[in-house]
Amino acid sequence: MRTKDFYFDLPEELVAQYPCGERGNDRLMHLDKISGKTESFFMDDLPDLIPAGTVMVFNNSRVRRSRVYASPVENTDLAVHSKKENEFLFLKELPKQEDDKSIWKAMTKNARRQKPGKQYKFSDGTIGTIIENVEDAGSEFRTLKFDRIIDENWFEKNGHIPLPPYIKRKDADSDSERYQTIYAKETGSAAAPTAGLHFTKQMLEKLEKKGIEIVYITLHVGLGTFLPVRSENIEDHHMHKEFFYISPGTAAVIEKAKAEHRPVLTVGTTSMRTLESAWKDGKLHTGHQSTSIFIYPGYQFKVADALFTNFHTPESTLLMLVSAFAGKEHIFNAYKQAINEKYRFFSYGDAMLIS
């Protein structure tokens, strides 16, 4: 199956650069995954489209302020540094030796120029040094060793909200709130689980009032979710590992729903990938785990019966996942209709319910 088979032409003006005026006011397309029929609604209509007894699974990961800028140090005494800044997107803290402070893997621009030994000075004076890591060779990743502990307080002070590259603007103060779900709890994502951005406290209350059970998992969104497919054939693409957690309580609710033949609706592709990764021998494995699952057409789903999601980028693993779930022809017909009706696309765009 070729990557280019998942391309579609999207007018630039339909790529949402900002969230809608008020959280929860987005449009909603419902796609029947059996017939391919679509209907247009608004988010307020969502409870009417979900059967009572459904279990909805949300990802409560919180976005880290992980986009950080630093200036290259021009000499070894650290007295002089360039005014030209380089961007780093911090992804994962790595194990360190006894005398080390912090070591992080980051995605960086101009990666080929980032040689081991090169040093960067961050806005608070922190020094990061590029160190050798064989896994980084030929990639956009680099490993940095720091002269101080890099923790969440450091990111809050020095970092920016990591808006996706198709949002052609700098992050604003409002993104600190709008690029987080209202139920975000566990910090660790390099991008928002964006399907959840549509939900308000009032919507969650409406869903529960109807008899819909709400449970949470945690998957920290990393490169496995948003790194582009560069191989000609999608079968040759390898997902990067992402880490997730499922509590025993959440697992018990989902297993009970499956046993009683009640629908399980995953909110976002991250929730779906988490459940599909953890389901083994008719049960959800609990605790801290990791996944590099790549779902594309031909995959047989084991847990998810319905999916609430956004409209995804061409040739992305996310588009391949929804094509596996609803059928590529149904998805592409729905996307064509969404374009004709001027739905807003991607992270800050409108929503789709597939059931």
Protein backbone atom coordinates (compact mmCIF):
# COMPACT_ATOMS: atom_id res chain seq x y z
CA MET A 1 0.00 0.00 0.00
CA ARG A 2 1.54 3.30 -1.10
CA THR A 3 1.86 6.39 1.05
CA LYS A 4 0.76 8.62 -1.84
CA ASP A 5 -2.58 6.78 -1.90
CA PHE A 6 -3.41 8.71 1.26
CA TYR A 7 -2.81 12.14 -0.22
CA PHE A 8 -5.60 14.66 -0.66
CA ASP A 9 -5.54 18.29 -1.73
CA LEU A 10 -6.59 20.67 1.05
CA PRO A 11 -7.09 24.41 0.52
CA GLU A 12 -4.74 26.29 2.82
CA GLU A 13 -7.53 28.46 4.20
CA LEU A 14 -9.16 25.37 5.77
CA VAL A 15 -6.15 24.69 8.03
CA ALA A 16 -7.28 26.14 11.36
CA GLN A 17 -4.71 28.62 12.67
CA TYR A 18 -6.65 29.39 15.85
CA PRO A 19 -9.27 27.53 17.89
CA CYS A 20 -12.90 28.55 17.47
CA GLY A 21 -14.08 31.54 19.50
CA GLU A 22 -15.34 29.45 22.43
CA ARG A 23 -14.31 25.93 23.35
CA GLY A 24 -16.97 23.41 22.33
CA ASN A 25 -18.52 25.46 19.52
CA ASP A 26 -16.96 23.46 16.69
CA ARG A 27 -18.79 21.69 13.91
CA LEU A 28 -19.16 17.91 14.04
CA MET A 29 -19.47 15.46 11.18
CA HIS A 30 -20.95 12.04 11.88
CA LEU A 31 -19.73 9.22 9.63
CA ASP A 32 -21.51 5.87 9.60
CA LYS A 33 -18.58 3.46 9.21
CA ILE A 34 -20.82 0.77 7.69
CA SER A 35 -22.77 2.74 5.09
CA GLY A 36 -20.42 5.68 4.63
CA LYS A 37 -23.31 8.11 5.17
CA THR A 38 -22.36 11.48 6.63
CA GLU A 39 -24.38 14.10 8.50
CA SER A 40 -23.36 17.54 9.77
CA PHE A 41 -23.95 18.62 13.34
CA PHE A 42 -22.40 20.80 16.05
CA MET A 43 -20.61 19.67 19.21
CA ASP A 44 -23.73 20.40 21.27
CA ASP A 45 -25.43 17.54 19.40
CA LEU A 46 -22.86 14.92 20.45
CA PRO A 47 -24.81 13.35 23.37
CA ASP A 48 -27.71 12.64 21.00
CA LEU A 49 -25.39 10.66 18.70
CA ILE A 50 -24.00 8.32 21.38
CA PRO A 51 -26.05 5.43 22.84
CA ALA A 52 -26.58 5.27 26.61
CA GLY A 53 -24.29 2.69 28.17
CA THR A 54 -21.36 3.61 25.94
CA VAL A 55 -17.93 3.87 27.58
CA MET A 56 -15.95 6.89 26.40
CA VAL A 57 -12.16 6.72 26.80
CA PHE A 58 -10.22 9.98 27.10
CA ASN A 59 -6.46 10.61 27.14
CA ASN A 60 -5.59 12.83 30.11
CA SER A 61 -1.98 13.56 29.11
CA ARG A 62 -0.94 17.17 29.55
CA VAL A 63 1.19 19.04 27.01
CA ARG A 64 4.63 20.03 28.23
CA ARG A 65 5.96 23.47 27.27
CA SER A 66 8.57 21.54 25.35
CA ARG A 67 9.51 23.91 22.50
CA VAL A 68 12.59 25.79 23.74
CA TYR A 69 14.98 28.17 22.00
CA ALA A 70 18.72 28.52 22.61
CA SER A 71 21.68 30.36 21.12
CA PRO A 72 24.83 28.50 20.01
CA VAL A 73 27.89 29.20 22.14
CA GLU A 74 30.70 30.57 19.97
CA ASN A 75 33.65 29.84 22.26
CA THR A 76 34.53 27.52 25.10
CA ASP A 77 34.46 30.02 27.94
CA LEU A 78 30.73 30.60 27.34
CA ALA A 79 31.26 34.34 27.40
CA VAL A 80 30.11 34.89 23.84
CA HIS A 81 27.12 33.36 22.14
CA SER A 82 25.35 33.97 18.86
CA LYS A 83 22.12 35.96 18.64
CA LYS A 84 20.78 33.40 16.15
CA GLU A 85 18.56 30.97 18.02
CA ASN A 86 17.91 27.32 17.33
CA GLU A 87 14.69 25.52 18.18
CA PHE A 88 14.56 22.31 20.22
CA LEU A 89 11.46 20.19 20.82
CA PHE A 90 12.15 18.14 23.96
CA LEU A 91 10.72 14.63 23.75
CA LYS A 92 12.10 12.32 26.40
CA GLU A 93 14.44 12.36 29.39
CA LEU A 94 17.10 9.66 29.09
CA PRO A 95 18.88 7.69 31.84
CA LYS A 96 21.94 9.51 33.20
CA GLN A 97 25.21 8.58 34.85
CA GLU A 98 25.77 9.25 38.54
CA ASP A 99 27.41 12.66 38.05
CA ASP A 100 25.07 13.89 35.30
CA LYS A 101 22.34 16.47 35.86
CA SER A 102 19.91 15.81 32.99
CA ILE A 103 20.03 14.22 29.53
CA TRP A 104 17.21 14.75 27.03
CA LYS A 105 16.40 13.63 23.51
CA ALA A 106 15.09 16.48 21.37
CA MET A 107 13.98 17.11 17.83
CA THR A 108 15.86 20.03 16.34
CA LYS A 109 16.02 22.11 13.22
CA ASN A 110 19.22 21.97 11.15
CA ALA A 111 20.05 18.64 12.78
CA ARG A 112 22.98 17.94 10.45
CA ARG A 113 24.79 20.95 11.88
CA GLN A 114 24.35 19.78 15.46
CA LYS A 115 27.59 17.88 16.03
CA PRO A 116 28.67 16.30 19.34
CA GLY A 117 30.38 18.89 21.51
CA LYS A 118 28.36 21.85 20.21
CA GLN A 119 26.96 23.89 23.06
CA TYR A 120 23.81 25.98 23.42
CA LYS A 121 22.87 28.61 25.96
CA PHE A 122 19.21 28.83 26.97
CA SER A 123 17.41 31.96 28.13
CA ASP A 124 18.06 31.36 31.84
CA GLY A 125 21.76 30.63 31.28
CA THR A 126 21.43 26.83 31.21
CA ILE A 127 24.06 25.18 29.00
CA GLY A 128 23.19 22.15 26.88
CA THR A 129 25.84 20.15 25.06
CA ILE A 130 25.17 17.86 22.09
CA ILE A 131 26.50 14.40 22.95
CA GLU A 132 27.08 11.27 20.87
CA ASN A 133 24.12 8.93 20.48
CA VAL A 134 24.18 6.32 17.71
CA GLU A 135 20.38 6.38 17.51
CA ASP A 136 20.51 10.02 16.37
CA ALA A 137 22.60 9.39 13.25
CA GLY A 138 20.87 10.54 10.08
CA SER A 139 17.78 11.74 11.93
CA GLU A 140 16.32 15.03 13.16
CA PHE A 141 16.94 13.96 16.77
CA ARG A 142 19.82 15.00 18.99
CA THR A 143 20.75 14.19 22.58
CA LEU A 144 21.67 17.02 24.94
CA LYS A 145 23.45 16.87 28.27
CA PHE A 146 22.73 19.76 30.65
CA ASP A 147 24.59 21.49 33.43
CA ARG A 148 21.48 21.55 35.63
CA ILE A 149 18.38 19.46 36.26
CA ILE A 150 15.74 19.99 33.59
CA ASP A 151 12.34 19.55 35.23
CA GLU A 152 8.78 20.77 34.71
CA ASN A 153 9.50 24.06 36.48
CA TRP A 154 12.31 24.67 33.98
CA PHE A 155 9.97 24.04 31.04
CA GLU A 156 7.33 26.35 32.51
CA LYS A 157 9.94 29.10 32.78
CA ASN A 158 11.77 28.61 29.48
CA GLY A 159 9.45 26.71 27.16
CA HIS A 160 6.70 27.45 24.68
CA ILE A 161 3.55 25.54 23.78
CA PRO A 162 4.61 23.21 20.91
CA LEU A 163 2.07 24.16 18.24
CA PRO A 164 2.21 21.93 15.13
CA PRO A 165 4.19 23.17 12.11
CA TYR A 166 1.05 23.72 10.01
CA ILE A 167 0.00 26.46 12.44
CA LYS A 168 1.94 29.31 10.87
CA ARG A 169 2.30 31.59 13.86
CA LYS A 170 4.06 31.83 17.19
CA ASP A 171 2.28 30.51 20.25
CA ALA A 172 0.14 33.06 22.07
CA ASP A 173 -0.82 33.31 25.75
CA SER A 174 -4.24 31.87 24.88
CA ASP A 175 -2.64 28.65 23.58
CA SER A 176 -1.52 27.79 27.11
CA GLU A 177 -5.18 27.12 27.88
CA ARG A 178 -6.70 26.22 24.51
CA TYR A 179 -3.99 23.71 23.49
CA GLN A 180 -4.72 21.69 26.63
CA THR A 181 -7.77 19.53 27.28
CA ILE A 182 -9.83 20.63 30.30
CA TYR A 183 -9.07 17.28 31.96
CA ALA A 184 -5.31 17.26 31.25
CA LYS A 185 -3.54 15.87 34.29
CA GLU A 186 -0.33 13.93 33.60
CA THR A 187 2.39 16.08 31.99
CA GLY A 188 4.48 14.49 29.25
CA SER A 189 3.11 15.10 25.75
CA ALA A 190 4.93 16.91 22.95
CA ALA A 191 1.59 17.57 21.23
CA ALA A 192 -1.99 17.74 22.43
CA PRO A 193 -4.36 14.79 22.10
CA THR A 194 -6.39 17.20 20.02
CA ALA A 195 -9.72 15.35 19.79
CA GLY A 196 -10.17 16.19 23.46
CA LEU A 197 -9.84 19.94 22.87
CA HIS A 198 -13.53 20.07 21.87
CA PHE A 199 -14.84 19.00 25.28
CA THR A 200 -16.06 21.35 28.02
CA LYS A 201 -17.02 20.58 31.60
CA GLN A 202 -20.65 21.10 30.61
CA MET A 203 -20.36 18.57 27.76
CA LEU A 204 -18.85 15.94 30.05
CA GLU A 205 -21.71 16.48 32.49
CA LYS A 206 -24.27 16.07 29.68
CA LEU A 207 -22.66 12.83 28.57
CA GLU A 208 -22.65 11.38 32.07
CA LYS A 209 -26.25 12.49 32.64
CA LYS A 210 -27.26 10.45 29.58
CA GLY A 211 -25.70 7.32 31.09
CA ILE A 212 -22.39 7.38 29.25
CA GLU A 213 -19.42 6.21 31.34
CA ILE A 214 -16.22 8.27 31.14
CA VAL A 215 -12.81 6.79 31.88
CA TYR A 216 -9.24 7.98 31.35
CA ILE A 217 -6.00 6.52 30.09
CA THR A 218 -2.67 8.32 29.71
CA LEU A 219 -0.61 8.19 26.52
CA HIS A 220 2.13 10.79 26.21
CA VAL A 221 2.02 11.98 22.61
CA GLY A 222 5.41 11.79 20.95
CA LEU A 223 6.89 11.22 17.54
CA GLY A 224 4.96 8.00 17.06
CA THR A 225 1.85 10.10 16.61
CA PHE A 226 2.98 12.95 14.40
CA LEU A 227 6.25 12.07 12.62
CA PRO A 228 5.54 11.95 8.85
CA VAL A 229 5.60 8.76 6.79
CA ARG A 230 8.66 9.02 4.54
CA SER A 231 8.65 5.54 3.04
CA GLU A 232 7.10 4.92 -0.37
CA ASN A 233 5.14 1.95 0.98
CA ILE A 234 3.36 2.39 4.29
CA GLU A 235 4.31 -1.13 5.40
CA ASP A 236 7.94 0.07 5.58
CA HIS A 237 7.15 2.84 8.07
CA HIS A 238 8.17 2.24 11.68
CA MET A 239 6.45 4.08 14.51
CA HIS A 240 8.48 5.57 17.36
CA LYS A 241 7.74 4.23 20.81
CA GLU A 242 5.26 6.08 23.02
CA PHE A 243 4.49 5.44 26.67
CA PHE A 244 1.09 4.93 28.24
CA TYR A 245 -0.67 3.96 31.46
CA ILE A 246 -3.97 2.17 32.09
CA SER A 247 -5.35 1.93 35.62
CA PRO A 248 -7.04 -1.23 36.90
CA GLY A 249 -10.27 0.75 37.36
CA THR A 250 -10.33 1.91 33.74
CA ALA A 251 -9.55 -1.59 32.50
CA ALA A 252 -12.38 -3.07 34.58
CA VAL A 253 -14.95 -0.65 33.13
CA ILE A 254 -13.87 -1.34 29.54
CA GLU A 255 -13.70 -5.12 30.00
CA LYS A 256 -17.21 -5.09 31.54
CA ALA A 257 -18.54 -3.08 28.59
CA LYS A 258 -17.02 -5.51 26.10
CA ALA A 259 -18.47 -8.49 27.98
CA GLU A 260 -21.92 -6.86 27.94
CA HIS A 261 -21.60 -5.88 24.24
CA ARG A 262 -21.81 -2.17 25.04
CA PRO A 263 -19.92 0.25 22.74
CA VAL A 264 -16.46 1.54 23.57
CA LEU A 265 -15.84 4.98 22.05
CA THR A 266 -12.25 6.20 22.02
CA VAL A 267 -11.73 9.96 22.08
CA GLY A 268 -8.76 10.50 19.79
CA THR A 269 -6.39 8.22 17.96
CA THR A 270 -4.09 8.10 20.99
CA SER A 271 -6.80 6.53 23.14
CA MET A 272 -7.54 4.03 20.37
CA ARG A 273 -3.87 3.08 19.94
CA THR A 274 -3.54 2.65 23.70
CA LEU A 275 -6.46 0.22 24.00
CA GLU A 276 -5.54 -1.73 20.88
CA SER A 277 -1.95 -2.08 22.18
CA ALA A 278 -2.95 -3.24 25.66
CA TRP A 279 -5.69 -5.73 24.72
CA LYS A 280 -4.38 -9.30 24.99
CA ASP A 281 -6.28 -12.54 25.47
CA GLY A 282 -9.58 -10.76 26.03
CA LYS A 283 -8.29 -8.39 28.69
CA LEU A 284 -6.65 -5.00 28.99
CA HIS A 285 -3.19 -5.18 30.51
CA THR A 286 -2.78 -2.48 33.14
CA GLY A 287 0.07 -0.34 34.42
CA HIS A 288 2.89 1.48 32.64
CA GLN A 289 3.54 0.20 29.12
CA SER A 290 4.81 1.32 25.72
CA THR A 291 3.61 0.99 22.15
CA SER A 292 4.86 1.45 18.62
CA ILE A 293 1.65 0.11 17.05
CA PHE A 294 0.98 1.30 13.49
CA ILE A 295 -2.65 0.90 12.46
CA TYR A 296 -3.43 1.04 8.75
CA PRO A 297 -6.03 -0.58 6.44
CA GLY A 298 -6.28 -4.30 6.99
CA TYR A 299 -5.96 -4.03 10.79
CA GLN A 300 -8.60 -5.91 12.79
CA PHE A 301 -9.83 -3.81 15.73
CA LYS A 302 -10.24 -5.59 19.06
CA VAL A 303 -11.58 -2.96 21.47
CA ALA A 304 -12.81 0.26 19.85
CA ASP A 305 -16.34 0.34 18.40
CA ALA A 306 -16.48 4.08 17.71
CA LEU A 307 -14.00 6.94 17.39
CA PHE A 308 -14.25 10.67 18.04
CA THR A 309 -11.43 12.45 16.22
CA ASN A 310 -10.31 15.48 14.21
CA PHE A 311 -9.70 15.80 10.46
CA HIS A 312 -6.13 14.67 9.81
CA THR A 313 -3.23 15.66 7.57
CA PRO A 314 -2.62 14.03 4.17
CA GLU A 315 -0.36 10.94 4.15
CA SER A 316 -0.24 10.83 7.96
CA THR A 317 -0.38 7.75 10.19
CA LEU A 318 -3.53 9.27 11.74
CA LEU A 319 -5.29 9.37 8.37
CA MET A 320 -4.23 5.76 7.80
CA LEU A 321 -5.67 4.79 11.18
CA VAL A 322 -9.10 6.32 10.54
CA SER A 323 -9.05 4.75 7.06
CA ALA A 324 -8.48 1.38 8.70
CA PHE A 325 -11.38 2.00 11.08
CA ALA A 326 -14.02 3.30 8.65
CA GLY A 327 -12.64 2.24 5.27
CA LYS A 328 -10.46 4.42 3.06
CA GLU A 329 -13.25 5.11 0.55
CA HIS A 330 -15.66 6.26 3.27
CA ILE A 331 -13.01 8.48 4.87
CA PHE A 332 -11.97 10.12 1.62
CA ASN A 333 -15.59 10.73 0.60
CA ALA A 334 -16.24 12.30 4.02
CA TYR A 335 -13.12 14.47 3.73
CA LYS A 336 -14.20 15.60 0.26
CA GLN A 337 -17.56 16.64 1.69
CA ALA A 338 -15.86 18.38 4.62
CA ILE A 339 -13.72 20.39 2.19
CA ASN A 340 -16.77 21.31 0.10
CA GLU A 341 -18.61 22.43 3.23
CA LYS A 342 -15.53 24.29 4.50
CA TYR A 343 -14.95 22.37 7.72
CA ARG A 344 -11.83 23.46 9.57
CA PHE A 345 -8.99 20.91 9.58
CA PHE A 346 -6.28 19.61 11.93
CA SER A 347 -5.50 20.35 15.58
CA TYR A 348 -7.64 23.47 16.10
CA GLY A 349 -10.24 22.39 13.56
CA ASP A 350 -13.64 20.67 13.61
CA ALA A 351 -14.50 17.15 14.76
CA MET A 352 -15.71 13.82 13.37
CA LEU A 353 -17.59 11.01 15.08
CA ILE A 354 -17.15 7.63 13.40
CA SER A 355 -19.59 4.97 14.61
